[in-house]
Amino acid sequence: MQKQRAADAAHTMVEELRETYGPPAERGMTGVQSGTYETALRAWRDLAREAQTALSEYAKDTGRPRADIEAEVERAAAAPGERPPTG
């Protein structure tokens, strides 16, 4: 759940930068802005990949459907104070 929250926070940062700097395809960003955006984008992708890997490993270890676990984690990550699923 922590990995999912980190990925969600990183995604929010990317969206905020995109909103602030404009769409990356326009490339009207300064060098610093472009570097900041690219770093945030890489961080989001890395964190999302880690969260997905953890979900797959947990599903395999517990024998539960990955989709069920993913839905539980997403709900729990969106609601602070909830506990992640336990096998």
Protein backbone atom coordinates (compact mmCIF):
# COMPACT_ATOMS: atom_id res chain seq x y z
CA MET A 1 0.00 0.00 0.00
CA GLN A 2 2.89 2.35 0.74
CA LYS A 3 4.31 1.74 -2.72
CA GLN A 4 0.94 2.55 -4.27
CA ARG A 5 0.65 5.76 -2.24
CA ALA A 6 4.15 6.79 -3.30
CA ALA A 7 3.30 6.10 -6.95
CA ASP A 8 0.05 8.08 -6.61
CA ALA A 9 1.91 11.02 -5.06
CA ALA A 10 4.51 10.94 -7.84
CA HIS A 11 1.74 10.88 -10.44
CA THR A 12 0.10 13.88 -8.80
CA MET A 13 3.45 15.73 -8.99
CA VAL A 14 3.75 14.96 -12.71
CA GLU A 15 0.22 16.22 -13.31
CA GLU A 16 0.90 19.40 -11.35
CA LEU A 17 4.10 20.07 -13.30
CA ARG A 18 2.28 19.42 -16.57
CA GLU A 19 -0.40 21.88 -15.51
CA THR A 20 2.17 24.48 -14.44
CA TYR A 21 4.59 24.13 -17.37
CA GLY A 22 2.16 23.11 -20.09
CA PRO A 23 2.06 19.91 -22.12
CA PRO A 24 5.49 18.39 -22.71
CA ALA A 25 4.82 18.08 -26.44
CA GLU A 26 4.81 21.86 -26.71
CA ARG A 27 8.34 21.92 -25.32
CA GLY A 28 8.09 25.51 -24.27
CA MET A 29 9.76 24.50 -21.03
CA THR A 30 13.06 25.94 -19.93
CA GLY A 31 15.96 23.55 -19.39
CA VAL A 32 15.37 23.47 -15.65
CA GLN A 33 11.63 22.91 -16.08
CA SER A 34 12.23 20.11 -18.57
CA GLY A 35 14.72 18.47 -16.21
CA THR A 36 12.32 18.73 -13.29
CA TYR A 37 9.48 17.29 -15.34
CA GLU A 38 11.55 14.41 -16.72
CA THR A 39 12.85 13.54 -13.24
CA ALA A 40 9.32 13.52 -11.83
CA LEU A 41 8.10 11.39 -14.74
CA ARG A 42 10.88 8.83 -14.25
CA ALA A 43 10.20 8.70 -10.52
CA TRP A 44 6.49 8.07 -11.13
CA ARG A 45 7.20 5.32 -13.65
CA ASP A 46 9.73 3.64 -11.33
CA LEU A 47 7.41 3.79 -8.33
CA ALA A 48 4.44 2.53 -10.35
CA ARG A 49 6.53 -0.37 -11.64
CA GLU A 50 7.64 -1.25 -8.10
CA ALA A 51 4.03 -1.17 -6.88
CA GLN A 52 2.89 -3.41 -9.73
CA THR A 53 5.71 -5.87 -9.08
CA ALA A 54 4.84 -6.00 -5.39
CA LEU A 55 1.17 -6.64 -6.24
CA SER A 56 2.08 -9.48 -8.57
CA GLU A 57 4.43 -11.07 -6.03
CA TYR A 58 1.83 -10.81 -3.27
CA ALA A 59 -0.84 -12.34 -5.49
CA LYS A 60 1.47 -15.20 -6.37
CA ASP A 61 2.48 -15.77 -2.74
CA THR A 62 -1.11 -15.78 -1.48
CA GLY A 63 -2.74 -17.51 -4.44
CA ARG A 64 -5.30 -14.73 -4.73
CA PRO A 65 -6.35 -13.01 -7.97
CA ARG A 66 -4.10 -10.05 -8.70
CA ALA A 67 -7.05 -7.89 -9.77
CA ASP A 68 -8.73 -8.38 -6.38
CA ILE A 69 -5.58 -7.43 -4.50
CA GLU A 70 -4.98 -4.43 -6.76
CA ALA A 71 -8.52 -3.15 -6.12
CA GLU A 72 -8.09 -3.57 -2.35
CA VAL A 73 -4.75 -1.78 -2.35
CA GLU A 74 -6.07 1.10 -4.44
CA ARG A 75 -9.03 1.56 -2.09
CA ALA A 76 -6.78 1.37 0.98
CA ALA A 77 -4.18 3.73 -0.51
CA ALA A 78 -6.91 6.27 -1.24
CA ALA A 79 -8.24 6.08 2.32
CA PRO A 80 -5.55 7.02 4.86
CA GLY A 81 -5.59 4.93 8.01
CA GLU A 82 -6.75 1.71 6.37
CA ARG A 83 -4.61 -1.38 6.52
CA PRO A 84 -3.41 -3.24 3.43
CA PRO A 85 -4.87 -6.66 2.69
CA THR A 86 -3.46 -9.60 4.59
CA GLY A 87 -3.22 -13.09 3.20
